[in-house]
Amino acid sequence: MHRPYNSGLLEHIPPLENGDRLTRDEFERRYQAMPAGLKAELLEGVVYMPSPQRFRSHGKPSRYLSGWLYSYEVATPGVEGADNATIRLDLDSEPQPDALLLISPDHGGQSQVDEDDYIVGAPELSAEAAASSVSYDLHVKLPVFRRNGVKEYLVWRVLDAQVDWFSLQHSDYVRLEPDEQGILRSLVFPGLWLDVPALVRFDGRQVLEVLRQGLATPEHAEFVSRLAEAAKTTEA
């Protein structure tokens, strides 16, 4: 959500600082005046600004998650994804997850894209690459996403070589359990299968092969049909 860097703006608009307590409007005002490339999130009214990201503990894992979700998106009309997109979630929280997947508004999704081109409301799935279990992704973002109705939340704890995939059930997050082969399956996006052992060892070919198997299931085909029917209803 960056505009080109303008030093003149910074003379009148205070810069963002990690730990600032701001309203969402003030957060956006200051964020838009910051240099391009900086990442900041507002969670429960507090500004979080992560330090520069390392290659193997964040940059590469984030790319793997994005590639996996993109492959599902292109095979599933009515589903859209994004990397590092700002979400106007509620009055106190404006996160910017590493990757997300949503059902398009005109296909029955629960979020919208507003006139400023920001996502408003909860996407169906949010995904993060986090260093470990001590990351704020699991201790600050998780309750924010749960309260706002993000149906699934996935966190790859890179240094721990673990993936936590939560499903919103009865207003609480329940951890999804892998099968005997270590495969996790989305409950919201049929066919979105993740080979966890392959992911944590950065075996991208195997990750995509297992996803291909999920995309070939009758459940995925039926989901695509449902999305198409939802789009017809919206048009009518």
Protein backbone atom coordinates (compact mmCIF):
# COMPACT_ATOMS: atom_id res chain seq x y z
CA MET A 1 0.00 0.00 0.00
CA HIS A 2 2.93 2.30 -0.70
CA ARG A 3 3.06 5.55 -2.60
CA PRO A 4 6.35 6.81 -4.03
CA TYR A 5 8.65 8.09 -1.35
CA ASN A 6 8.14 11.79 -0.70
CA SER A 7 10.43 13.40 1.83
CA GLY A 8 8.15 16.42 1.95
CA LEU A 9 5.34 14.27 3.32
CA LEU A 10 7.53 13.10 6.17
CA GLU A 11 7.97 16.69 7.33
CA HIS A 12 4.27 16.85 8.12
CA ILE A 13 3.34 13.21 8.80
CA PRO A 14 5.10 11.39 11.65
CA PRO A 15 6.89 8.20 10.53
CA LEU A 16 5.64 4.83 11.67
CA GLU A 17 7.48 3.35 14.63
CA ASN A 18 7.34 -0.23 15.85
CA GLY A 19 4.95 -0.38 18.80
CA ASP A 20 2.97 2.75 17.91
CA ARG A 21 -0.65 2.65 19.04
CA LEU A 22 -2.76 4.09 16.25
CA THR A 23 -6.21 4.08 14.76
CA ARG A 24 -6.51 2.37 11.40
CA ASP A 25 -6.98 5.68 9.60
CA GLU A 26 -3.86 7.18 11.18
CA PHE A 27 -1.91 4.01 10.47
CA GLU A 28 -2.82 4.23 6.78
CA ARG A 29 -1.97 7.93 6.65
CA ARG A 30 1.51 7.34 8.05
CA TYR A 31 2.10 4.12 6.11
CA GLN A 32 1.36 5.78 2.78
CA ALA A 33 4.00 8.42 3.56
CA MET A 34 6.74 5.90 4.33
CA PRO A 35 9.44 4.80 1.85
CA ALA A 36 8.48 2.09 -0.61
CA GLY A 37 9.53 -1.42 0.40
CA LEU A 38 8.80 -1.02 4.09
CA LYS A 39 6.31 -3.47 5.58
CA ALA A 40 4.11 -2.64 8.54
CA GLU A 41 0.98 -4.16 10.03
CA LEU A 42 -1.60 -2.90 12.50
CA LEU A 43 -2.81 -5.58 14.92
CA GLU A 44 -5.13 -4.74 17.81
CA GLY A 45 -4.19 -1.09 17.38
CA VAL A 46 -0.44 -1.71 17.66
CA VAL A 47 2.06 -1.22 14.79
CA TYR A 48 4.33 -4.18 13.98
CA MET A 49 7.29 -3.61 11.69
CA PRO A 50 9.33 -6.77 11.05
CA SER A 51 13.07 -6.54 10.68
CA PRO A 52 14.69 -7.15 7.26
CA GLN A 53 13.81 -10.67 6.16
CA ARG A 54 16.42 -13.38 5.65
CA PHE A 55 16.56 -15.56 2.55
CA ARG A 56 16.20 -19.13 3.85
CA SER A 57 14.09 -18.42 6.92
CA HIS A 58 11.54 -16.19 5.21
CA GLY A 59 12.09 -15.09 1.61
CA LYS A 60 12.36 -18.56 0.07
CA PRO A 61 9.64 -20.16 2.25
CA SER A 62 7.27 -17.31 1.45
CA ARG A 63 7.88 -17.87 -2.27
CA TYR A 64 7.12 -21.60 -1.91
CA LEU A 65 3.82 -20.86 -0.16
CA SER A 66 2.89 -18.32 -2.82
CA GLY A 67 3.75 -20.70 -5.66
CA TRP A 68 1.68 -23.49 -4.12
CA LEU A 69 -1.33 -21.22 -3.65
CA TYR A 70 -0.94 -19.70 -7.12
CA SER A 71 -1.00 -23.16 -8.67
CA TYR A 72 -4.30 -23.83 -6.92
CA GLU A 73 -5.68 -20.45 -7.97
CA VAL A 74 -5.06 -20.94 -11.70
CA ALA A 75 -6.76 -24.34 -11.57
CA THR A 76 -9.80 -23.04 -9.69
CA PRO A 77 -11.89 -20.35 -11.45
CA GLY A 78 -13.52 -18.12 -8.86
CA VAL A 79 -10.56 -18.24 -6.48
CA GLU A 80 -8.01 -15.43 -6.24
CA GLY A 81 -4.74 -15.04 -4.37
CA ALA A 82 -2.25 -12.34 -3.44
CA ASP A 83 1.11 -11.79 -1.77
CA ASN A 84 1.58 -9.11 0.89
CA ALA A 85 -1.82 -7.54 0.25
CA THR A 86 -3.16 -5.19 2.90
CA ILE A 87 -6.43 -6.30 4.50
CA ARG A 88 -8.77 -3.80 6.11
CA LEU A 89 -9.88 -6.36 8.64
CA ASP A 90 -11.46 -4.29 11.41
CA LEU A 91 -11.07 -0.85 12.99
CA ASP A 92 -7.98 -1.92 14.96
CA SER A 93 -6.29 -4.37 12.61
CA GLU A 94 -4.83 -4.07 9.14
CA PRO A 95 -2.56 -7.09 8.52
CA GLN A 96 -0.47 -7.80 5.44
CA PRO A 97 0.01 -11.59 5.28
CA ASP A 98 2.73 -13.21 3.20
CA ALA A 99 0.08 -14.92 1.06
CA LEU A 100 -3.67 -15.33 0.98
CA LEU A 101 -6.39 -17.11 -0.93
CA LEU A 102 -9.96 -15.93 -1.24
CA ILE A 103 -13.16 -16.76 -3.03
CA SER A 104 -13.94 -13.91 -5.41
CA PRO A 105 -16.75 -11.64 -4.21
CA ASP A 106 -18.77 -12.41 -7.36
CA HIS A 107 -18.42 -16.14 -6.67
CA GLY A 108 -19.80 -15.99 -3.14
CA GLY A 109 -16.69 -14.99 -1.17
CA GLN A 110 -16.87 -13.34 2.23
CA SER A 111 -14.53 -10.39 1.53
CA GLN A 112 -14.68 -7.47 -0.89
CA VAL A 113 -12.22 -5.25 -2.75
CA ASP A 114 -13.00 -1.59 -2.07
CA GLU A 115 -12.59 1.49 -4.26
CA ASP A 116 -9.04 1.95 -2.92
CA ASP A 117 -8.18 -1.58 -4.16
CA TYR A 118 -7.76 -2.99 -0.64
CA ILE A 119 -9.31 -6.20 0.62
CA VAL A 120 -12.07 -5.49 3.13
CA GLY A 121 -13.11 -8.27 5.46
CA ALA A 122 -11.66 -11.71 6.05
CA PRO A 123 -10.17 -13.71 3.20
CA GLU A 124 -10.91 -17.41 3.38
CA LEU A 125 -7.23 -18.38 3.92
CA SER A 126 -4.16 -16.53 5.16
CA ALA A 127 -0.64 -17.99 5.11
CA GLU A 128 2.60 -16.91 6.76
CA ALA A 129 6.22 -18.02 6.76
CA ALA A 130 7.44 -17.57 10.33
CA ALA A 131 10.81 -18.33 11.85
CA SER A 132 9.53 -20.30 14.85
CA SER A 133 6.76 -20.76 17.39
CA VAL A 134 7.70 -17.50 19.14
CA SER A 135 6.68 -15.42 16.11
CA TYR A 136 3.93 -12.85 16.51
CA ASP A 137 2.15 -14.65 13.64
CA LEU A 138 1.08 -17.29 16.16
CA HIS A 139 0.57 -15.08 19.19
CA VAL A 140 -0.88 -11.81 17.89
CA LYS A 141 -2.26 -12.43 14.42
CA LEU A 142 -3.95 -15.73 15.22
CA PRO A 143 -6.62 -14.33 17.60
CA VAL A 144 -7.18 -11.37 15.27
CA PHE A 145 -7.80 -13.66 12.30
CA ARG A 146 -9.99 -15.97 14.39
CA ARG A 147 -12.15 -13.14 15.69
CA ASN A 148 -12.63 -11.69 12.23
CA GLY A 149 -13.58 -14.98 10.59
CA VAL A 150 -10.54 -15.96 8.52
CA LYS A 151 -11.64 -19.54 7.89
CA GLU A 152 -8.16 -21.08 7.62
CA TYR A 153 -4.79 -19.87 8.85
CA LEU A 154 -1.54 -21.57 7.88
CA VAL A 155 1.83 -20.84 9.48
CA TRP A 156 5.01 -22.54 8.27
CA ARG A 157 7.45 -22.47 11.20
CA VAL A 158 10.60 -22.68 9.11
CA LEU A 159 13.24 -23.17 11.83
CA ASP A 160 11.02 -25.73 13.57
CA ALA A 161 10.33 -27.58 10.28
CA GLN A 162 6.62 -27.61 11.16
CA VAL A 163 3.38 -26.39 9.60
CA ASP A 164 0.40 -25.28 11.68
CA TRP A 165 -2.85 -25.22 9.71
CA PHE A 166 -5.87 -23.97 11.64
CA SER A 167 -9.51 -24.31 10.64
CA LEU A 168 -12.21 -22.06 12.09
CA GLN A 169 -14.84 -24.27 13.69
CA HIS A 170 -17.52 -22.98 16.08
CA SER A 171 -15.70 -19.65 16.53
CA ASP A 172 -12.42 -21.29 17.46
CA TYR A 173 -9.36 -22.49 15.56
CA VAL A 174 -8.83 -26.24 15.41
CA ARG A 175 -5.50 -27.56 14.18
CA LEU A 176 -5.78 -29.76 11.08
CA GLU A 177 -3.95 -33.07 11.34
CA PRO A 178 -1.96 -34.62 8.48
CA ASP A 179 -2.57 -38.15 7.24
CA GLU A 180 -0.04 -40.99 7.45
CA GLN A 181 1.94 -39.51 4.53
CA GLY A 182 2.10 -36.10 6.16
CA ILE A 183 -0.46 -34.52 3.82
CA LEU A 184 -2.73 -31.74 5.04
CA ARG A 185 -6.00 -31.00 3.24
CA SER A 186 -7.96 -27.77 3.28
CA LEU A 187 -11.56 -27.92 4.44
CA VAL A 188 -12.46 -24.65 2.71
CA PHE A 189 -10.69 -25.20 -0.62
CA PRO A 190 -11.23 -28.79 -1.77
CA GLY A 191 -8.17 -30.17 -3.51
CA LEU A 192 -5.75 -27.82 -1.77
CA TRP A 193 -3.40 -30.50 -0.50
CA LEU A 194 -0.03 -29.86 1.14
CA ASP A 195 2.75 -32.40 1.49
CA VAL A 196 4.30 -31.09 4.69
CA PRO A 197 7.48 -33.24 4.69
CA ALA A 198 8.18 -32.15 1.11
CA LEU A 199 7.55 -28.49 1.92
CA VAL A 200 9.86 -28.32 4.92
CA ARG A 201 12.69 -29.91 2.92
CA PHE A 202 12.01 -27.47 0.05
CA ASP A 203 11.03 -30.21 -2.40
CA GLY A 204 8.89 -28.02 -4.63
CA ARG A 205 8.29 -30.69 -7.27
CA GLN A 206 6.77 -33.05 -4.74
CA VAL A 207 4.67 -30.25 -3.24
CA LEU A 208 3.20 -29.51 -6.66
CA GLU A 209 2.75 -33.20 -7.47
CA VAL A 210 0.62 -33.74 -4.36
CA LEU A 211 -1.33 -30.59 -5.15
CA ARG A 212 -1.92 -31.95 -8.66
CA GLN A 213 -3.41 -35.08 -7.11
CA GLY A 214 -5.74 -32.94 -5.03
CA LEU A 215 -6.81 -30.94 -8.07
CA ALA A 216 -7.71 -34.20 -9.86
CA THR A 217 -10.24 -35.25 -7.20
CA PRO A 218 -14.03 -35.19 -7.68
CA GLU A 219 -14.22 -32.87 -4.65
CA HIS A 220 -12.25 -30.19 -6.45
CA ALA A 221 -14.34 -30.55 -9.60
CA GLU A 222 -17.52 -30.24 -7.55
CA PHE A 223 -16.12 -27.12 -5.82
CA VAL A 224 -15.41 -25.49 -9.19
CA SER A 225 -18.99 -26.24 -10.23
CA ARG A 226 -20.34 -24.67 -7.03
CA LEU A 227 -18.31 -21.53 -7.63
CA ALA A 228 -19.65 -21.28 -11.17
CA GLU A 229 -23.22 -21.61 -9.92
CA ALA A 230 -22.59 -18.94 -7.28
CA ALA A 231 -21.33 -16.59 -10.00
CA LYS A 232 -24.52 -17.14 -12.03
CA THR A 233 -26.61 -16.32 -8.98
CA THR A 234 -24.64 -13.12 -8.39
CA GLU A 235 -25.09 -12.05 -12.02
CA ALA A 236 -28.82 -12.69 -11.82
